[in-house]
Each structure stands twice: as structure tokens, then as C-alpha cells.
N, C-alpha and C. Protein backbone atom coordinates (compact mmCIF):
# COMPACT_ATOMS: atom_id res chain seq x y z
N UNK A 1 101.23 144.14 112.23
CA UNK A 1 100.31 144.20 111.12
C UNK A 1 99.92 145.64 110.88
N UNK A 2 100.04 146.10 109.66
CA UNK A 2 99.61 147.44 109.31
C UNK A 2 98.32 147.33 108.52
N UNK A 3 97.25 147.84 109.10
CA UNK A 3 95.95 147.74 108.46
C UNK A 3 95.60 149.09 107.84
N UNK A 4 95.27 149.06 106.56
CA UNK A 4 94.86 150.26 105.86
C UNK A 4 93.34 150.29 105.81
N UNK A 5 92.82 151.29 105.17
CA UNK A 5 91.43 151.32 104.75
C UNK A 5 90.44 151.80 105.78
N UNK A 6 90.84 152.49 106.81
CA UNK A 6 89.85 153.05 107.72
C UNK A 6 90.51 153.87 108.81
N UNK A 7 89.67 154.50 109.60
CA UNK A 7 90.11 155.15 110.83
C UNK A 7 89.06 154.86 111.90
N UNK A 8 89.53 154.31 113.01
CA UNK A 8 88.70 154.08 114.19
C UNK A 8 89.40 154.75 115.36
N UNK A 9 88.63 155.51 116.14
CA UNK A 9 89.22 156.26 117.25
C UNK A 9 88.33 156.15 118.48
N UNK A 10 88.95 155.85 119.62
CA UNK A 10 88.24 155.83 120.90
C UNK A 10 88.78 156.96 121.77
N UNK A 11 87.85 157.65 122.44
CA UNK A 11 88.21 158.77 123.32
C UNK A 11 87.39 158.65 124.60
N UNK A 12 88.05 158.91 125.73
CA UNK A 12 87.34 158.93 127.01
C UNK A 12 87.57 160.31 127.65
N UNK A 13 86.46 160.89 128.17
CA UNK A 13 86.55 162.16 128.87
C UNK A 13 85.34 162.30 129.78
N UNK A 14 85.60 162.70 131.02
CA UNK A 14 84.54 162.99 132.00
C UNK A 14 83.48 161.90 132.08
N UNK A 15 83.90 160.66 132.17
CA UNK A 15 82.96 159.56 132.32
C UNK A 15 82.26 159.13 131.04
N UNK A 16 82.62 159.72 129.92
CA UNK A 16 82.01 159.37 128.63
C UNK A 16 83.07 158.72 127.75
N UNK A 17 82.71 157.62 127.11
CA UNK A 17 83.59 156.97 126.14
C UNK A 17 82.90 157.01 124.79
N UNK A 18 83.63 157.46 123.78
CA UNK A 18 83.09 157.52 122.42
C UNK A 18 84.05 156.82 121.47
N UNK A 19 83.47 156.07 120.53
CA UNK A 19 84.27 155.48 119.46
C UNK A 19 83.67 155.98 118.15
N UNK A 20 84.55 156.50 117.29
CA UNK A 20 84.14 157.01 115.98
C UNK A 20 84.85 156.23 114.89
N UNK A 21 84.18 156.08 113.77
CA UNK A 21 84.78 155.43 112.62
C UNK A 21 84.24 156.02 111.33
N UNK A 22 85.07 156.01 110.32
CA UNK A 22 84.63 156.51 109.02
C UNK A 22 83.90 155.39 108.28
N UNK A 23 83.35 155.70 107.12
CA UNK A 23 82.55 154.73 106.39
C UNK A 23 83.15 154.24 105.09
N UNK A 24 84.38 154.59 104.80
CA UNK A 24 84.94 154.26 103.49
C UNK A 24 85.44 152.82 103.43
N UNK A 25 85.11 152.14 102.33
CA UNK A 25 85.66 150.83 102.03
C UNK A 25 86.44 150.97 100.74
N UNK A 26 87.73 150.67 100.81
CA UNK A 26 88.62 150.80 99.65
C UNK A 26 89.28 149.47 99.36
N UNK A 27 89.47 149.20 98.08
CA UNK A 27 90.28 148.07 97.66
C UNK A 27 91.31 148.64 96.71
N UNK A 28 92.56 148.50 97.13
CA UNK A 28 93.66 149.15 96.43
C UNK A 28 93.36 150.65 96.34
N UNK A 29 93.32 151.21 95.15
CA UNK A 29 93.09 152.64 94.99
C UNK A 29 91.65 153.01 94.66
N UNK A 30 90.73 152.06 94.80
CA UNK A 30 89.34 152.31 94.43
C UNK A 30 88.44 152.33 95.65
N UNK A 31 87.57 153.33 95.72
CA UNK A 31 86.59 153.42 96.79
C UNK A 31 85.34 152.68 96.33
N UNK A 32 84.92 151.69 97.12
CA UNK A 32 83.76 150.88 96.78
C UNK A 32 82.51 151.27 97.56
N UNK A 33 82.68 151.83 98.73
CA UNK A 33 81.53 152.17 99.57
C UNK A 33 81.91 153.36 100.45
N UNK A 34 80.92 154.22 100.70
CA UNK A 34 81.16 155.41 101.51
C UNK A 34 80.54 155.33 102.90
N UNK A 35 79.59 154.42 103.11
CA UNK A 35 78.79 154.44 104.34
C UNK A 35 78.82 153.12 105.11
N UNK A 36 79.95 152.44 105.13
CA UNK A 36 80.05 151.19 105.88
C UNK A 36 79.98 151.47 107.38
N UNK A 37 79.39 150.53 108.11
CA UNK A 37 79.32 150.62 109.57
C UNK A 37 80.42 149.74 110.16
N UNK A 38 81.37 150.35 110.83
CA UNK A 38 82.52 149.63 111.37
C UNK A 38 82.50 149.56 112.89
N UNK A 39 81.38 149.97 113.48
CA UNK A 39 81.23 149.95 114.93
C UNK A 39 80.07 149.03 115.29
N UNK A 40 80.18 148.39 116.45
CA UNK A 40 79.09 147.53 116.93
C UNK A 40 78.97 147.63 118.44
N UNK A 41 77.72 147.76 118.90
CA UNK A 41 77.43 147.71 120.34
C UNK A 41 77.23 146.26 120.74
N UNK A 42 77.69 145.93 121.95
CA UNK A 42 77.58 144.57 122.48
C UNK A 42 77.15 144.63 123.93
N UNK A 43 76.82 143.47 124.47
CA UNK A 43 76.49 143.33 125.90
C UNK A 43 75.41 144.33 126.30
N UNK A 44 74.29 144.28 125.58
CA UNK A 44 73.16 145.18 125.83
C UNK A 44 73.56 146.65 125.78
N UNK A 45 74.47 146.99 124.89
CA UNK A 45 74.87 148.37 124.69
C UNK A 45 75.96 148.87 125.61
N UNK A 46 76.48 148.04 126.51
CA UNK A 46 77.48 148.47 127.48
C UNK A 46 78.90 148.46 126.94
N UNK A 47 79.10 147.85 125.78
CA UNK A 47 80.42 147.73 125.17
C UNK A 47 80.31 148.13 123.71
N UNK A 48 81.34 148.83 123.23
CA UNK A 48 81.41 149.21 121.82
C UNK A 48 82.70 148.62 121.25
N UNK A 49 82.61 148.08 120.04
CA UNK A 49 83.79 147.59 119.34
C UNK A 49 83.83 148.22 117.96
N UNK A 50 85.04 148.49 117.49
CA UNK A 50 85.25 149.01 116.14
C UNK A 50 86.42 148.26 115.51
N UNK A 51 86.40 148.13 114.19
CA UNK A 51 87.45 147.36 113.53
C UNK A 51 88.09 148.12 112.39
N UNK A 52 89.32 147.73 112.10
CA UNK A 52 90.04 148.15 110.91
C UNK A 52 90.55 146.87 110.26
N UNK A 53 90.32 146.74 108.97
CA UNK A 53 90.74 145.54 108.27
C UNK A 53 89.61 144.96 107.46
N UNK A 54 89.72 143.68 107.17
CA UNK A 54 88.71 143.00 106.36
C UNK A 54 87.38 142.91 107.07
N UNK A 55 86.30 143.29 106.38
CA UNK A 55 84.97 143.33 106.99
C UNK A 55 84.50 141.94 107.40
N UNK A 56 84.67 140.95 106.56
CA UNK A 56 84.23 139.60 106.91
C UNK A 56 85.01 139.08 108.11
N UNK A 57 86.31 139.39 108.14
CA UNK A 57 87.13 138.99 109.28
C UNK A 57 86.64 139.66 110.55
N UNK A 58 86.34 140.94 110.46
CA UNK A 58 85.88 141.68 111.63
C UNK A 58 84.54 141.14 112.13
N UNK A 59 83.63 140.80 111.21
CA UNK A 59 82.34 140.27 111.63
C UNK A 59 82.52 138.95 112.38
N UNK A 60 83.42 138.11 111.90
CA UNK A 60 83.71 136.85 112.60
C UNK A 60 84.27 137.13 113.99
N UNK A 61 85.12 138.13 114.10
CA UNK A 61 85.70 138.47 115.40
C UNK A 61 84.66 139.10 116.33
N UNK A 62 83.79 139.93 115.79
CA UNK A 62 82.71 140.50 116.61
C UNK A 62 81.86 139.37 117.21
N UNK A 63 81.50 138.40 116.38
CA UNK A 63 80.69 137.29 116.87
C UNK A 63 81.43 136.50 117.94
N UNK A 64 82.70 136.27 117.72
CA UNK A 64 83.50 135.52 118.69
C UNK A 64 83.61 136.31 120.00
N UNK A 65 83.80 137.63 119.89
CA UNK A 65 83.89 138.45 121.10
C UNK A 65 82.56 138.44 121.86
N UNK A 66 81.45 138.54 121.14
CA UNK A 66 80.14 138.49 121.81
C UNK A 66 79.97 137.17 122.57
N UNK A 67 80.45 136.08 121.98
CA UNK A 67 80.40 134.79 122.66
C UNK A 67 81.25 134.77 123.92
N UNK A 68 82.42 135.37 123.84
CA UNK A 68 83.31 135.43 125.01
C UNK A 68 82.71 136.31 126.10
N UNK A 69 82.08 137.41 125.72
CA UNK A 69 81.44 138.27 126.71
C UNK A 69 80.32 137.53 127.43
N UNK A 70 79.58 136.75 126.66
CA UNK A 70 78.51 135.97 127.27
C UNK A 70 79.09 134.90 128.19
N UNK A 71 80.13 134.22 127.72
CA UNK A 71 80.77 133.16 128.49
C UNK A 71 81.33 133.67 129.82
N UNK A 72 81.86 134.89 129.82
CA UNK A 72 82.49 135.44 131.01
C UNK A 72 81.65 136.54 131.66
N UNK A 73 80.35 136.44 131.49
CA UNK A 73 79.37 137.32 132.17
C UNK A 73 79.67 138.81 132.01
N UNK A 74 80.07 139.20 130.81
CA UNK A 74 80.30 140.61 130.53
C UNK A 74 81.63 141.15 130.99
N UNK A 75 82.51 140.29 131.51
CA UNK A 75 83.84 140.73 131.97
C UNK A 75 84.69 141.03 130.74
N UNK A 76 84.82 142.32 130.42
CA UNK A 76 85.49 142.74 129.18
C UNK A 76 86.94 142.31 129.15
N UNK A 77 87.67 142.51 130.22
CA UNK A 77 89.09 142.16 130.22
C UNK A 77 89.28 140.67 129.95
N UNK A 78 88.54 139.84 130.62
CA UNK A 78 88.66 138.40 130.43
C UNK A 78 88.26 138.01 129.01
N UNK A 79 87.20 138.62 128.50
CA UNK A 79 86.73 138.30 127.16
C UNK A 79 87.77 138.65 126.10
N UNK A 80 88.42 139.81 126.20
CA UNK A 80 89.42 140.18 125.18
C UNK A 80 90.67 139.31 125.30
N UNK A 81 91.05 138.94 126.52
CA UNK A 81 92.20 138.04 126.69
C UNK A 81 91.92 136.70 126.02
N UNK A 82 90.74 136.14 126.26
CA UNK A 82 90.39 134.85 125.67
C UNK A 82 90.24 134.95 124.16
N UNK A 83 89.68 136.07 123.67
CA UNK A 83 89.58 136.27 122.22
C UNK A 83 90.97 136.31 121.60
N UNK A 84 91.88 137.06 122.19
CA UNK A 84 93.24 137.17 121.65
C UNK A 84 93.94 135.81 121.66
N UNK A 85 93.74 135.03 122.70
CA UNK A 85 94.34 133.69 122.75
C UNK A 85 93.79 132.82 121.62
N UNK A 86 92.47 132.83 121.46
CA UNK A 86 91.87 132.05 120.38
C UNK A 86 92.34 132.53 119.02
N UNK A 87 92.36 133.84 118.85
CA UNK A 87 92.74 134.45 117.57
C UNK A 87 94.14 134.01 117.18
N UNK A 88 95.02 133.95 118.15
CA UNK A 88 96.41 133.61 117.88
C UNK A 88 96.61 132.12 117.65
N UNK A 89 95.84 131.28 118.34
CA UNK A 89 96.11 129.85 118.30
C UNK A 89 95.20 129.05 117.37
N UNK A 90 93.99 129.52 117.09
CA UNK A 90 93.05 128.80 116.23
C UNK A 90 93.47 128.94 114.77
N UNK A 91 93.55 127.81 114.06
CA UNK A 91 94.04 127.83 112.68
C UNK A 91 93.23 128.75 111.77
N UNK A 92 91.91 128.69 111.87
CA UNK A 92 91.08 129.51 110.98
C UNK A 92 91.11 130.98 111.39
N UNK A 93 91.12 131.25 112.70
CA UNK A 93 91.17 132.64 113.15
C UNK A 93 92.50 133.31 112.85
N UNK A 94 93.58 132.54 112.88
CA UNK A 94 94.92 133.11 112.65
C UNK A 94 95.03 133.82 111.32
N UNK A 95 94.21 133.44 110.36
CA UNK A 95 94.28 134.04 109.03
C UNK A 95 93.49 135.36 108.92
N UNK A 96 92.73 135.68 109.96
CA UNK A 96 91.93 136.89 109.92
C UNK A 96 92.82 138.12 110.04
N UNK A 97 92.55 139.11 109.19
CA UNK A 97 93.36 140.33 109.17
C UNK A 97 92.50 141.52 109.59
N UNK A 98 92.63 141.87 110.85
CA UNK A 98 91.88 143.00 111.38
C UNK A 98 92.52 143.43 112.69
N UNK A 99 92.21 144.62 113.09
CA UNK A 99 92.52 145.12 114.43
C UNK A 99 91.19 145.58 115.02
N UNK A 100 91.07 145.49 116.33
CA UNK A 100 89.83 145.91 116.97
C UNK A 100 90.14 146.84 118.14
N UNK A 101 89.26 147.82 118.32
CA UNK A 101 89.22 148.58 119.56
C UNK A 101 87.93 148.15 120.25
N UNK A 102 88.05 147.80 121.52
CA UNK A 102 86.90 147.40 122.31
C UNK A 102 86.92 148.22 123.59
N UNK A 103 85.78 148.80 123.96
CA UNK A 103 85.76 149.67 125.14
C UNK A 103 84.43 149.59 125.87
N UNK A 104 84.50 149.81 127.17
CA UNK A 104 83.32 150.09 127.96
C UNK A 104 83.58 151.43 128.64
N UNK A 105 82.84 151.77 129.66
CA UNK A 105 83.03 153.09 130.27
C UNK A 105 84.36 153.23 131.01
N UNK A 106 84.95 152.12 131.47
CA UNK A 106 86.18 152.19 132.25
C UNK A 106 87.42 151.69 131.53
N UNK A 107 87.25 150.81 130.56
CA UNK A 107 88.38 150.14 129.93
C UNK A 107 88.37 150.35 128.43
N UNK A 108 89.58 150.30 127.85
CA UNK A 108 89.74 150.47 126.41
C UNK A 108 90.89 149.57 125.97
N UNK A 109 90.65 148.75 124.95
CA UNK A 109 91.67 147.79 124.50
C UNK A 109 91.82 147.81 122.99
N UNK A 110 93.06 147.65 122.54
CA UNK A 110 93.36 147.32 121.16
C UNK A 110 93.65 145.82 121.17
N UNK A 111 92.99 145.07 120.29
CA UNK A 111 93.17 143.62 120.24
C UNK A 111 93.61 143.26 118.83
N UNK A 112 94.65 142.41 118.74
CA UNK A 112 95.16 142.00 117.43
C UNK A 112 95.29 140.49 117.35
N UNK A 113 95.46 140.01 116.13
CA UNK A 113 95.63 138.58 115.90
C UNK A 113 96.99 138.05 116.27
N UNK A 114 97.92 138.92 116.61
CA UNK A 114 99.24 138.46 117.04
C UNK A 114 99.27 138.22 118.55
N UNK A 115 98.11 138.36 119.19
CA UNK A 115 98.03 138.14 120.63
C UNK A 115 98.17 139.41 121.44
N UNK A 116 98.30 140.54 120.77
CA UNK A 116 98.43 141.81 121.49
C UNK A 116 97.10 142.23 122.09
N UNK A 117 97.18 142.67 123.32
CA UNK A 117 96.07 143.34 124.00
C UNK A 117 96.71 144.57 124.62
N UNK A 118 96.40 145.72 124.05
CA UNK A 118 97.07 146.95 124.48
C UNK A 118 96.05 147.89 125.10
N UNK A 119 96.37 148.37 126.28
CA UNK A 119 95.57 149.43 126.89
C UNK A 119 96.38 150.71 126.73
N UNK A 120 95.76 151.78 126.30
CA UNK A 120 96.52 153.01 126.08
C UNK A 120 96.98 153.63 127.40
N UNK A 121 98.04 154.41 127.35
CA UNK A 121 98.52 155.13 128.53
C UNK A 121 97.53 156.21 128.93
N UNK A 122 96.86 156.79 127.96
CA UNK A 122 95.92 157.87 128.23
C UNK A 122 94.50 157.48 127.89
N UNK A 123 93.75 158.44 127.42
CA UNK A 123 92.33 158.25 127.15
C UNK A 123 92.00 158.26 125.67
N UNK A 124 92.98 157.91 124.81
CA UNK A 124 92.78 157.93 123.36
C UNK A 124 93.44 156.70 122.76
N UNK A 125 92.76 156.12 121.76
CA UNK A 125 93.32 154.97 121.06
C UNK A 125 92.82 155.00 119.62
N UNK A 126 93.74 154.93 118.65
CA UNK A 126 93.37 154.96 117.25
C UNK A 126 93.97 153.80 116.49
N UNK A 127 93.23 153.28 115.50
CA UNK A 127 93.72 152.22 114.63
C UNK A 127 93.35 152.53 113.19
N UNK A 128 93.95 151.79 112.28
CA UNK A 128 93.68 151.96 110.86
C UNK A 128 94.67 152.91 110.22
N UNK A 129 94.52 153.11 108.94
CA UNK A 129 95.47 153.94 108.20
C UNK A 129 95.46 155.39 108.66
N UNK A 130 94.31 155.88 109.14
CA UNK A 130 94.23 157.25 109.65
C UNK A 130 94.27 157.33 111.16
N UNK A 131 94.50 156.20 111.82
CA UNK A 131 94.47 156.15 113.28
C UNK A 131 95.47 157.08 113.95
N UNK A 132 96.66 157.16 113.43
CA UNK A 132 97.69 158.03 114.00
C UNK A 132 97.33 159.50 113.87
N UNK A 133 96.78 159.87 112.71
CA UNK A 133 96.36 161.26 112.50
C UNK A 133 95.22 161.62 113.46
N UNK A 134 94.25 160.72 113.55
CA UNK A 134 93.10 160.97 114.42
C UNK A 134 93.53 161.02 115.88
N UNK A 135 94.44 160.16 116.26
CA UNK A 135 94.92 160.13 117.65
C UNK A 135 95.64 161.44 117.98
N UNK A 136 96.46 161.94 117.08
CA UNK A 136 97.16 163.20 117.32
C UNK A 136 96.17 164.36 117.43
N UNK A 137 95.20 164.39 116.53
CA UNK A 137 94.19 165.46 116.58
C UNK A 137 93.40 165.38 117.88
N UNK A 138 93.02 164.17 118.28
CA UNK A 138 92.25 163.98 119.51
C UNK A 138 93.04 164.42 120.73
N UNK A 139 94.33 164.14 120.74
CA UNK A 139 95.17 164.54 121.87
C UNK A 139 95.19 166.06 122.02
N UNK A 140 95.33 166.76 120.91
CA UNK A 140 95.32 168.22 120.96
C UNK A 140 93.96 168.75 121.42
N UNK A 141 92.90 168.17 120.89
CA UNK A 141 91.55 168.61 121.28
C UNK A 141 91.27 168.31 122.75
N UNK A 142 91.73 167.17 123.23
CA UNK A 142 91.53 166.80 124.63
C UNK A 142 92.27 167.76 125.56
N UNK A 143 93.46 168.15 125.18
CA UNK A 143 94.28 169.02 126.02
C UNK A 143 93.90 170.50 125.94
N UNK A 144 93.33 170.92 124.81
CA UNK A 144 93.16 172.36 124.60
C UNK A 144 91.73 172.82 124.37
N UNK A 145 90.76 171.92 124.58
CA UNK A 145 89.35 172.32 124.45
C UNK A 145 88.55 171.71 125.59
N UNK A 146 87.30 172.09 125.65
CA UNK A 146 86.36 171.51 126.61
C UNK A 146 85.35 170.61 125.89
N UNK A 147 85.66 170.21 124.67
CA UNK A 147 84.76 169.37 123.89
C UNK A 147 84.49 168.05 124.61
N UNK A 148 83.33 167.46 124.36
CA UNK A 148 83.00 166.16 124.93
C UNK A 148 83.78 165.06 124.20
N UNK A 149 83.79 163.87 124.77
CA UNK A 149 84.45 162.73 124.13
C UNK A 149 83.86 162.50 122.74
N UNK A 150 82.54 162.59 122.62
CA UNK A 150 81.89 162.39 121.32
C UNK A 150 82.35 163.44 120.31
N UNK A 151 82.36 164.69 120.72
CA UNK A 151 82.77 165.78 119.81
C UNK A 151 84.23 165.61 119.39
N UNK A 152 85.09 165.24 120.34
CA UNK A 152 86.51 165.05 120.03
C UNK A 152 86.68 163.90 119.04
N UNK A 153 86.03 162.77 119.31
CA UNK A 153 86.18 161.60 118.44
C UNK A 153 85.73 161.93 117.02
N UNK A 154 84.59 162.56 116.90
CA UNK A 154 84.07 162.89 115.57
C UNK A 154 84.97 163.89 114.83
N UNK A 155 85.38 164.93 115.51
CA UNK A 155 86.22 165.94 114.87
C UNK A 155 87.60 165.39 114.51
N UNK A 156 88.16 164.57 115.37
CA UNK A 156 89.48 164.00 115.09
C UNK A 156 89.45 163.08 113.87
N UNK A 157 88.40 162.28 113.72
CA UNK A 157 88.28 161.43 112.54
C UNK A 157 88.05 162.31 111.30
N UNK A 158 87.30 163.38 111.45
CA UNK A 158 87.10 164.31 110.33
C UNK A 158 88.44 164.91 109.90
N UNK A 159 89.27 165.29 110.86
CA UNK A 159 90.60 165.83 110.54
C UNK A 159 91.42 164.76 109.82
N UNK A 160 91.39 163.53 110.31
CA UNK A 160 92.13 162.44 109.67
C UNK A 160 91.66 162.23 108.23
N UNK A 161 90.36 162.42 107.98
CA UNK A 161 89.83 162.21 106.64
C UNK A 161 90.39 163.21 105.63
N UNK A 162 90.87 164.32 106.11
CA UNK A 162 91.45 165.34 105.22
C UNK A 162 92.90 165.02 104.87
N UNK A 163 93.48 164.03 105.58
CA UNK A 163 94.88 163.67 105.38
C UNK A 163 95.02 162.27 104.78
N UNK A 164 94.23 161.33 105.27
CA UNK A 164 94.34 159.92 104.88
C UNK A 164 93.40 159.61 103.72
N UNK A 165 93.93 159.09 102.63
CA UNK A 165 93.11 158.79 101.46
C UNK A 165 92.19 157.59 101.66
N UNK A 166 92.41 156.81 102.73
CA UNK A 166 91.57 155.65 103.02
C UNK A 166 90.49 155.95 104.05
N UNK A 167 90.28 157.23 104.33
CA UNK A 167 89.31 157.66 105.35
C UNK A 167 88.41 158.72 104.75
N UNK A 168 87.09 158.65 105.04
CA UNK A 168 86.19 159.68 104.53
C UNK A 168 85.45 160.39 105.66
N UNK A 169 84.59 161.34 105.31
CA UNK A 169 83.87 162.15 106.30
C UNK A 169 82.50 161.59 106.65
N UNK A 170 82.20 160.37 106.23
CA UNK A 170 80.96 159.71 106.62
C UNK A 170 81.21 159.01 107.96
N UNK A 171 81.10 159.77 109.03
CA UNK A 171 81.55 159.32 110.35
C UNK A 171 80.37 158.86 111.20
N UNK A 172 80.54 157.70 111.81
CA UNK A 172 79.56 157.25 112.79
C UNK A 172 80.23 157.26 114.16
N UNK A 173 79.44 157.55 115.17
CA UNK A 173 79.97 157.63 116.54
C UNK A 173 79.02 156.89 117.47
N UNK A 174 79.57 156.09 118.36
CA UNK A 174 78.82 155.42 119.41
C UNK A 174 79.37 155.92 120.75
N UNK A 175 78.47 156.15 121.70
CA UNK A 175 78.86 156.77 122.97
C UNK A 175 78.34 155.94 124.14
N UNK A 176 79.16 155.82 125.16
CA UNK A 176 78.78 155.24 126.44
C UNK A 176 78.91 156.32 127.50
N UNK A 177 77.92 156.42 128.35
CA UNK A 177 78.01 157.39 129.46
C UNK A 177 77.35 158.71 129.20
């Protein structure tokens, strides 16, 4: 699934995990909103999730993930596995079009409706139409600067906004650690 219309980026460095997302909502070639919130804290602030794709679909998935976290006592890995299983097999969930990044201080996952649960090889994960640009920028910043995870995430999404027409500079960042 190729999801357009946003950039979400997760970065981990020195015990800090940051997820950044832009605020643009686009339908086809028209920008409808500049300040959408695409990130959500869960589990009393210990987990952050961000989405790319349909907002209503993402809200339904956020609620389902919060239920799974509660059901499995905050065990993030188990919750994302169960969410992905439900997403893939439940008739109503199967139609949802979104990708999610979910992270705590130690773990980072990309979750999709095709049943994918991907953990990155390194400390960076990007999704959305600008995700690849932001991920490349974050990799360079991680390797060649002493910036914090928060600074890297924000700057990398800002760089992506200069390249991707579906991403803007209205960036929100959530940090753990």
C-alpha cells in the first residue's frame, strides 16, 4: 500500500524516542488543512503512535490499539501483533487505509493492514509520501550531528516538506525519554 498525504518519522537516539508529523491534509491536489494532529500518546504517555492515510481510518485504529494495549497490560509487541491480525482478518477493518508507526522507548514498529509488522534495522522509521525523504535526512543527521532525537525528527520532516508536495512545515513532535 502506498499512502500519500503526510510524513511521519520516528527517531531514537541516546534513550530518547521522538515521532514527528506534519499537519497537512490533502485531497487530490487540494490542501484542506494545515494543522492536523497525526500523533497520539497512549498508555499514560508511554507510547506514541502516528499515522499516514485516512484520518477516520487512523482514529479507528488508534482506538483499537489502545484497547489492545489495555488488554495486554501495555505489552506493545503483543498489542501490535494482535492489532495487525485483527486488521487483516476483520471485514470492516480490512477496508481501512492507513499505515501506523507505534513506538515506546525501546521498540518501534510499522503496522499495516496487510499484516505487516516491521521493526527497522536502525533507529529511524518513516511513512507517508514524504517518509523516504525524511528517513534519508534523519539518517544523515543521526550519523553526522549531535542533535537530539527530537531535533532530528523535526528537522528531517522539515526537509521532507521542501520536497514532498503532500507535506508541510506545521510539524508536531512527541518525545519519550
